[in-house]
Amino acid sequence: MSHDETGMGRDSLVDLNRAGTPLLEIVTRPDMNSPEEARLFLEELRLLLRELKVSDCEMQEGSLRVDANINIHIPQGDGYVATPIVEVKNLNSFRSVERAMAYEAQRQYEEFRRTGKKLGEVPKATAGWDEDHGVTVVQRRKEEASDYRYFPEPDLVPVLVDQAWLERIRAELPELPSVRRERFQTQYQLSAYDAGVIVSQGLAFADYFEKVAQLTGDAKAAANWCTNQVLQVLNERKITIESFPLPAESLADLIRKQRQYNVNPQRAREVFAEMLKSGEAAETIIRRLGLDVSFSTEQLRELVRKSLASQPKAVADLRAGKAKAMDALVGQVMRETRGKAPADEVRRLIQEELAQTPA
């Protein structure tokens, strides 16, 4: 936002509850400068808390709630003016957090332009979020901290944490999401996007990917299968990776057999679907579907030359920049091989042959 900096205030907190009993309140500093940043922080925090088994963080079940303290800094002269803080209470989805903060920031900006009221000139307000109408609704105002009637809790005793205990607990922690994302990018050469998608699904899903990557020696293929086909099945069936019917060994076997027999991606997905349905091994299904026929590069090259020679118009169109003509040339080779040739390799050979042959 060009005119402000939006932040969760000093006493913003995340409530973690189980069976209606507060277990933990996490308080942030006012370090967030946009609704999107607040949402991303909360998504990362939820992932971390789940990995550490602090809470399931199911917002719809009440085990996670968010209070967002919002005000904006409006540039004036060499500095800025801060607007009065509004605390939006009991937000129960990250979408609501982002929408409520965006609405409230804009509302405060417009109110400041109208009234000129600054932080300290108006009591802090507590508001609710009306999801249906997309607006914040002020519920009450408090003048001083004394209005909260703070008092020491007589049943709580001080907890002293020594450094040795702290280091022992740190040593027992699992690999944290941020560390694992970084490692997947360096160890397996994954893109930041792929690493982020895999790690965001939780520890068990990331473990599944890593096992497939290690068994195949092809982390990119493992990532593609896990973030596309595997994740699609999990979402469609509303299950977790622990309930996924194909163990990592089976998916790794499919990836190896796809490479061994040059099975094109579409047919490999058919094999995957059959594995889910029947529980059979990739090799068994590949043989049943007649996909266990492989072609050498020279065999494919001869078929490519035949396709180029029989379709001069498609060749001329392709040389003229009409990319669609490639489909006709590839299609003939695929017909000759009954769909068993790797289409990507056929395209590569067509481009190679055209580059070596004068127009």
Protein backbone atom coordinates (compact mmCIF):
# COMPACT_ATOMS: atom_id res chain seq x y z
CA MET A 1 0.00 0.00 0.00
CA SER A 2 1.53 3.27 -1.04
CA HIS A 3 0.15 5.35 1.78
CA ASP A 4 0.64 3.17 4.82
CA GLU A 5 2.36 0.41 6.67
CA THR A 6 -0.08 -2.05 8.16
CA GLY A 7 1.04 -4.09 11.15
CA MET A 8 -0.14 -6.50 13.78
CA GLY A 9 0.37 -4.60 17.00
CA ARG A 10 2.57 -5.37 19.95
CA ASP A 11 -0.16 -7.28 21.76
CA SER A 12 -1.45 -9.17 18.74
CA LEU A 13 -1.63 -12.84 19.49
CA VAL A 14 -2.42 -16.29 18.19
CA ASP A 15 -4.64 -18.37 20.48
CA LEU A 16 -4.15 -22.12 20.45
CA ASN A 17 -6.95 -24.05 22.08
CA ARG A 18 -7.82 -27.68 22.53
CA ALA A 19 -11.28 -28.68 23.64
CA GLY A 20 -11.99 -25.06 24.46
CA THR A 21 -9.07 -24.72 26.87
CA PRO A 22 -6.42 -22.07 26.06
CA LEU A 23 -2.99 -23.67 25.91
CA LEU A 24 -0.79 -21.03 24.39
CA GLU A 25 -0.80 -17.41 23.29
CA ILE A 26 1.86 -16.31 20.82
CA VAL A 27 2.47 -12.57 20.81
CA THR A 28 4.24 -10.86 17.91
CA ARG A 29 6.01 -7.56 17.60
CA PRO A 30 4.50 -5.05 15.13
CA ASP A 31 6.78 -6.24 12.33
CA MET A 32 4.25 -7.00 9.58
CA ASN A 33 3.64 -4.41 6.93
CA SER A 34 0.80 -5.84 4.84
CA PRO A 35 -2.19 -8.17 5.16
CA GLU A 36 -0.49 -10.64 2.82
CA GLU A 37 2.62 -10.72 5.01
CA ALA A 38 0.46 -11.42 8.07
CA ARG A 39 -1.27 -14.30 6.28
CA LEU A 40 2.04 -15.80 5.13
CA PHE A 41 3.43 -15.51 8.67
CA LEU A 42 0.40 -17.32 10.06
CA GLU A 43 0.64 -20.09 7.46
CA GLU A 44 4.30 -20.62 8.34
CA LEU A 45 3.52 -20.53 12.06
CA ARG A 46 0.74 -23.11 11.66
CA LEU A 47 3.07 -25.40 9.73
CA LEU A 48 5.75 -25.05 12.41
CA LEU A 49 3.32 -25.74 15.27
CA ARG A 50 1.99 -28.82 13.50
CA GLU A 51 5.50 -30.14 12.82
CA LEU A 52 6.35 -29.69 16.50
CA LYS A 53 3.04 -31.33 17.48
CA VAL A 54 2.07 -28.33 19.61
CA SER A 55 -1.43 -28.24 18.13
CA ASP A 56 -3.38 -29.45 15.10
CA CYS A 57 -4.19 -25.75 14.45
CA GLU A 58 -7.59 -26.59 12.94
CA MET A 59 -9.19 -23.15 12.81
CA GLN A 60 -12.65 -24.47 11.96
CA GLU A 61 -12.53 -26.59 15.12
CA GLY A 62 -11.45 -23.71 17.34
CA SER A 63 -7.90 -24.89 18.05
CA LEU A 64 -6.46 -21.74 16.47
CA ARG A 65 -7.74 -18.17 16.64
CA VAL A 66 -6.10 -14.91 15.62
CA ASP A 67 -6.41 -11.38 17.02
CA ALA A 68 -4.97 -8.73 14.69
CA ASN A 69 -3.96 -5.31 16.02
CA ILE A 70 -3.99 -2.89 13.10
CA ASN A 71 -2.96 0.66 12.54
CA ILE A 72 -1.21 2.47 9.69
CA HIS A 73 1.68 4.89 9.37
CA ILE A 74 0.90 7.77 7.05
CA PRO A 75 3.92 9.72 5.73
CA GLN A 76 3.95 13.40 6.71
CA GLY A 77 6.93 15.64 6.16
CA ASP A 78 10.10 13.85 7.26
CA GLY A 79 8.21 11.32 9.36
CA TYR A 80 4.83 9.73 9.66
CA VAL A 81 1.62 9.86 11.66
CA ALA A 82 0.23 6.68 13.24
CA THR A 83 -3.49 6.07 13.33
CA PRO A 84 -5.34 4.73 16.42
CA ILE A 85 -5.03 0.97 16.91
CA VAL A 86 -7.99 -1.32 16.30
CA GLU A 87 -7.84 -4.91 17.52
CA VAL A 88 -9.90 -7.29 15.37
CA LYS A 89 -10.78 -10.27 17.56
CA ASN A 90 -11.24 -14.00 17.04
CA LEU A 91 -10.52 -14.33 13.34
CA ASN A 92 -11.04 -17.96 12.40
CA SER A 93 -9.46 -18.25 8.96
CA PHE A 94 -6.36 -16.89 7.27
CA ARG A 95 -8.54 -15.53 4.50
CA SER A 96 -10.50 -13.58 7.12
CA VAL A 97 -7.27 -12.26 8.64
CA GLU A 98 -6.08 -10.94 5.29
CA ARG A 99 -9.45 -9.47 4.32
CA ALA A 100 -10.07 -7.90 7.74
CA MET A 101 -6.63 -6.26 7.82
CA ALA A 102 -6.98 -4.92 4.29
CA TYR A 103 -10.41 -3.49 5.00
CA GLU A 104 -9.40 -1.99 8.34
CA ALA A 105 -6.24 -0.40 6.94
CA GLN A 106 -8.22 1.31 4.19
CA ARG A 107 -10.94 2.35 6.65
CA GLN A 108 -8.37 3.92 8.98
CA TYR A 109 -6.75 5.80 6.13
CA GLU A 110 -10.08 7.24 5.03
CA GLU A 111 -11.03 8.11 8.60
CA PHE A 112 -7.71 9.88 9.17
CA ARG A 113 -8.24 11.95 6.02
CA ARG A 114 -11.66 12.88 7.36
CA THR A 115 -10.86 13.51 11.05
CA GLY A 116 -7.07 13.82 11.37
CA LYS A 117 -7.20 11.80 14.64
CA LYS A 118 -3.85 10.23 15.58
CA LEU A 119 -2.66 7.43 17.86
CA GLY A 120 -3.23 8.51 21.48
CA GLU A 121 -6.06 10.88 20.64
CA VAL A 122 -8.66 8.12 20.35
CA PRO A 123 -9.08 5.15 22.74
CA LYS A 124 -8.00 1.76 21.44
CA ALA A 125 -10.96 -0.10 19.93
CA THR A 126 -11.86 -3.78 19.85
CA ALA A 127 -13.69 -4.88 16.72
CA GLY A 128 -15.23 -7.97 15.20
CA TRP A 129 -15.12 -9.06 11.58
CA ASP A 130 -18.34 -9.42 9.62
CA GLU A 131 -17.38 -12.00 6.98
CA ASP A 132 -20.67 -11.74 5.09
CA HIS A 133 -20.46 -7.96 4.60
CA GLY A 134 -16.65 -7.72 4.55
CA VAL A 135 -16.43 -5.01 7.25
CA THR A 136 -15.04 -4.58 10.75
CA VAL A 137 -17.53 -3.66 13.48
CA VAL A 138 -16.37 -1.81 16.62
CA GLN A 139 -17.47 -3.65 19.76
CA ARG A 140 -15.95 -1.59 22.58
CA ARG A 141 -13.30 0.97 23.49
CA LYS A 142 -10.89 1.04 26.45
CA GLU A 143 -9.19 4.13 27.80
CA GLU A 144 -6.33 2.78 29.93
CA ALA A 145 -4.49 -0.47 30.60
CA SER A 146 -6.16 -0.46 34.05
CA ASP A 147 -9.47 -1.06 32.30
CA TYR A 148 -8.25 -4.57 31.58
CA ARG A 149 -7.96 -5.18 35.36
CA TYR A 150 -4.63 -6.97 35.14
CA PHE A 151 -3.60 -8.82 38.30
CA PRO A 152 -1.00 -11.50 39.15
CA GLU A 153 -2.23 -15.08 38.75
CA PRO A 154 -1.75 -16.64 42.22
CA ASP A 155 -1.65 -20.23 40.93
CA LEU A 156 1.18 -19.65 38.44
CA VAL A 157 4.75 -19.87 39.72
CA PRO A 158 7.81 -18.54 37.87
CA VAL A 159 9.36 -21.00 35.41
CA LEU A 160 13.15 -20.83 35.17
CA VAL A 161 14.78 -22.27 32.06
CA ASP A 162 18.50 -22.98 32.20
CA GLN A 163 20.68 -23.07 29.09
CA ALA A 164 21.43 -26.80 29.33
CA TRP A 165 17.72 -27.67 29.31
CA LEU A 166 17.13 -25.29 26.40
CA GLU A 167 19.93 -26.85 24.33
CA ARG A 168 18.68 -30.37 25.06
CA ILE A 169 15.19 -29.46 23.83
CA ARG A 170 16.63 -27.84 20.70
CA ALA A 171 18.59 -31.01 19.94
CA GLU A 172 15.37 -33.06 20.12
CA LEU A 173 13.48 -30.90 17.63
CA PRO A 174 12.80 -32.28 14.15
CA GLU A 175 14.09 -30.50 11.08
CA LEU A 176 12.10 -27.28 10.92
CA PRO A 177 10.17 -26.34 7.76
CA SER A 178 12.37 -23.37 6.86
CA VAL A 179 15.51 -25.49 7.18
CA ARG A 180 14.02 -28.32 5.13
CA ARG A 181 12.95 -25.96 2.33
CA GLU A 182 16.50 -24.63 2.12
CA ARG A 183 17.97 -28.14 2.14
CA PHE A 184 15.66 -29.38 -0.61
CA GLN A 185 16.80 -26.53 -2.83
CA THR A 186 20.51 -27.17 -2.23
CA GLN A 187 20.58 -30.97 -1.90
CA TYR A 188 18.02 -31.82 -4.57
CA GLN A 189 18.26 -28.71 -6.75
CA LEU A 190 14.52 -28.05 -6.44
CA SER A 191 13.08 -24.66 -7.27
CA ALA A 192 11.95 -22.51 -4.34
CA TYR A 193 8.38 -23.09 -5.53
CA ASP A 194 8.61 -26.90 -5.58
CA ALA A 195 10.38 -27.01 -2.22
CA GLY A 196 7.75 -24.70 -0.75
CA VAL A 197 4.81 -26.77 -2.03
CA ILE A 198 6.30 -30.04 -0.73
CA VAL A 199 7.25 -28.74 2.72
CA SER A 200 3.93 -26.91 3.16
CA GLN A 201 2.14 -30.28 3.04
CA GLY A 202 3.77 -31.36 6.28
CA LEU A 203 6.57 -33.55 7.54
CA ALA A 204 5.12 -36.88 6.36
CA PHE A 205 4.58 -35.63 2.80
CA ALA A 206 8.10 -34.19 2.66
CA ASP A 207 9.47 -37.51 3.94
CA TYR A 208 7.52 -39.32 1.20
CA PHE A 209 8.99 -37.07 -1.50
CA GLU A 210 12.49 -37.48 -0.13
CA LYS A 211 12.26 -41.26 -0.12
CA VAL A 212 11.05 -41.27 -3.75
CA ALA A 213 13.85 -38.87 -4.72
CA GLN A 214 16.49 -41.07 -3.07
CA LEU A 215 15.15 -44.32 -4.57
CA THR A 216 15.03 -42.91 -8.10
CA GLY A 217 18.00 -40.57 -8.06
CA ASP A 218 15.73 -38.11 -9.87
CA ALA A 219 14.51 -35.45 -7.46
CA LYS A 220 12.87 -33.35 -10.18
CA ALA A 221 10.73 -36.27 -11.38
CA ALA A 222 9.89 -37.15 -7.76
CA ALA A 223 8.84 -33.55 -7.11
CA ASN A 224 6.70 -33.42 -10.26
CA TRP A 225 4.85 -36.61 -9.37
CA CYS A 226 4.38 -35.64 -5.72
CA THR A 227 3.20 -32.07 -6.33
CA ASN A 228 0.90 -33.02 -9.19
CA GLN A 229 -0.52 -36.55 -9.27
CA VAL A 230 -0.01 -37.51 -5.62
CA LEU A 231 -1.27 -34.20 -4.23
CA GLN A 232 -4.25 -34.29 -6.61
CA VAL A 233 -5.29 -37.71 -5.28
CA LEU A 234 -4.90 -36.57 -1.67
CA ASN A 235 -7.09 -33.54 -2.30
CA GLU A 236 -9.73 -35.45 -4.27
CA ARG A 237 -9.99 -38.21 -1.67
CA LYS A 238 -9.52 -35.84 1.28
CA ILE A 239 -6.84 -38.06 2.78
CA THR A 240 -3.33 -37.53 4.12
CA ILE A 241 -0.14 -39.00 2.74
CA GLU A 242 -0.21 -41.58 5.53
CA SER A 243 -3.38 -43.02 3.93
CA PHE A 244 -2.12 -42.80 0.35
CA PRO A 245 -2.36 -46.31 -1.16
CA LEU A 246 0.98 -46.22 -3.01
CA PRO A 247 4.08 -46.40 -0.82
CA ALA A 248 7.09 -44.37 -1.86
CA GLU A 249 8.74 -47.54 -3.19
CA SER A 250 5.88 -48.09 -5.66
CA LEU A 251 5.96 -44.55 -7.00
CA ALA A 252 9.74 -44.73 -7.30
CA ASP A 253 9.39 -47.97 -9.26
CA LEU A 254 6.95 -46.28 -11.66
CA ILE A 255 9.39 -43.41 -12.24
CA ARG A 256 12.22 -45.86 -12.95
CA LYS A 257 10.09 -47.95 -15.32
CA GLN A 258 8.86 -44.81 -17.12
CA ARG A 259 12.49 -43.92 -17.76
CA GLN A 260 13.48 -47.49 -18.70
CA TYR A 261 10.73 -47.94 -21.29
CA ASN A 262 10.52 -44.30 -22.43
CA VAL A 263 6.84 -44.19 -21.45
CA ASN A 264 5.42 -40.79 -22.33
CA PRO A 265 3.89 -38.71 -19.51
CA GLN A 266 0.28 -39.31 -20.52
CA ARG A 267 0.67 -43.10 -20.60
CA ALA A 268 2.66 -42.99 -17.35
CA ARG A 269 -0.29 -41.24 -15.69
CA GLU A 270 -2.50 -44.07 -16.98
CA VAL A 271 -0.18 -46.57 -15.31
CA PHE A 272 -0.33 -44.51 -12.10
CA ALA A 273 -4.15 -44.58 -12.17
CA GLU A 274 -4.13 -48.34 -12.69
CA MET A 275 -1.72 -48.80 -9.80
CA LEU A 276 -4.10 -46.87 -7.55
CA LYS A 277 -7.05 -48.93 -8.74
CA SER A 278 -5.58 -52.43 -8.76
CA GLY A 279 -2.56 -52.23 -6.47
CA GLU A 280 -0.46 -53.95 -9.15
CA ALA A 281 3.20 -53.12 -9.71
CA ALA A 282 4.19 -50.64 -12.41
CA GLU A 283 6.01 -53.33 -14.42
CA THR A 284 2.91 -55.56 -14.51
CA ILE A 285 0.67 -52.78 -15.78
CA ILE A 286 3.22 -51.50 -18.29
CA ARG A 287 3.48 -55.00 -19.80
CA ARG A 288 -0.29 -55.44 -19.85
CA LEU A 289 -0.73 -52.13 -21.68
CA GLY A 290 2.03 -53.02 -24.13
CA LEU A 291 4.22 -50.12 -23.07
CA ASP A 292 7.31 -52.25 -22.45
CA VAL A 293 8.61 -51.60 -25.96
CA SER A 294 11.46 -49.14 -26.15
CA PHE A 295 12.94 -47.48 -29.21
CA SER A 296 16.56 -46.60 -29.70
CA THR A 297 17.48 -43.08 -30.70
CA GLU A 298 18.41 -44.27 -34.19
CA GLN A 299 15.08 -46.05 -34.63
CA LEU A 300 13.25 -42.87 -33.67
CA ARG A 301 15.46 -40.80 -35.93
CA GLU A 302 14.53 -42.95 -38.94
CA LEU A 303 10.83 -42.51 -38.13
CA VAL A 304 11.35 -38.75 -37.76
CA ARG A 305 13.06 -38.55 -41.17
CA LYS A 306 10.16 -40.49 -42.68
CA SER A 307 7.68 -38.06 -41.13
CA LEU A 308 9.62 -35.02 -42.43
CA ALA A 309 9.87 -36.47 -45.93
CA SER A 310 6.16 -37.29 -46.16
CA GLN A 311 4.92 -33.93 -44.88
CA PRO A 312 6.74 -31.14 -46.75
CA LYS A 313 3.97 -28.60 -46.03
CA ALA A 314 4.20 -29.19 -42.27
CA VAL A 315 8.00 -28.83 -42.51
CA ALA A 316 7.65 -25.54 -44.42
CA ASP A 317 5.08 -24.26 -41.93
CA LEU A 318 7.31 -25.16 -39.00
CA ARG A 319 10.29 -23.40 -40.59
CA ALA A 320 8.03 -20.37 -41.10
CA GLY A 321 7.38 -20.21 -37.37
CA LYS A 322 4.02 -22.00 -37.23
CA ALA A 323 4.56 -24.04 -34.07
CA LYS A 324 1.31 -25.95 -34.55
CA ALA A 325 2.89 -27.79 -37.50
CA MET A 326 5.07 -29.68 -35.01
CA ASP A 327 1.99 -31.61 -33.85
CA ALA A 328 1.46 -33.14 -37.30
CA LEU A 329 5.08 -34.26 -37.53
CA VAL A 330 5.11 -35.72 -34.03
CA GLY A 331 1.70 -37.29 -34.56
CA GLN A 332 2.88 -39.41 -37.46
CA VAL A 333 5.76 -40.82 -35.43
CA MET A 334 3.40 -41.56 -32.53
CA ARG A 335 1.05 -43.41 -34.89
CA GLU A 336 3.93 -45.46 -36.27
CA THR A 337 4.91 -46.45 -32.73
CA ARG A 338 1.33 -46.87 -31.48
CA GLY A 339 1.85 -44.08 -28.98
CA LYS A 340 4.86 -45.74 -27.38
CA ALA A 341 7.54 -43.26 -28.47
CA PRO A 342 8.54 -40.53 -26.01
CA ALA A 343 6.97 -37.41 -27.54
CA ASP A 344 9.55 -35.04 -26.03
CA GLU A 345 12.38 -37.06 -27.60
CA VAL A 346 10.57 -37.07 -30.96
CA ARG A 347 10.24 -33.26 -30.84
CA ARG A 348 13.92 -32.95 -30.00
CA LEU A 349 14.93 -35.14 -32.93
CA ILE A 350 12.66 -33.22 -35.32
CA GLN A 351 14.29 -29.94 -34.29
CA GLU A 352 17.72 -31.53 -34.61
CA GLU A 353 17.00 -32.89 -38.11
CA LEU A 354 15.62 -29.56 -39.31
CA ALA A 355 18.66 -27.73 -37.97
CA GLN A 356 20.95 -30.07 -39.93
CA THR A 357 18.95 -29.87 -43.16
CA PRO A 358 19.00 -26.70 -45.25
CA ALA A 359 15.62 -25.10 -45.91
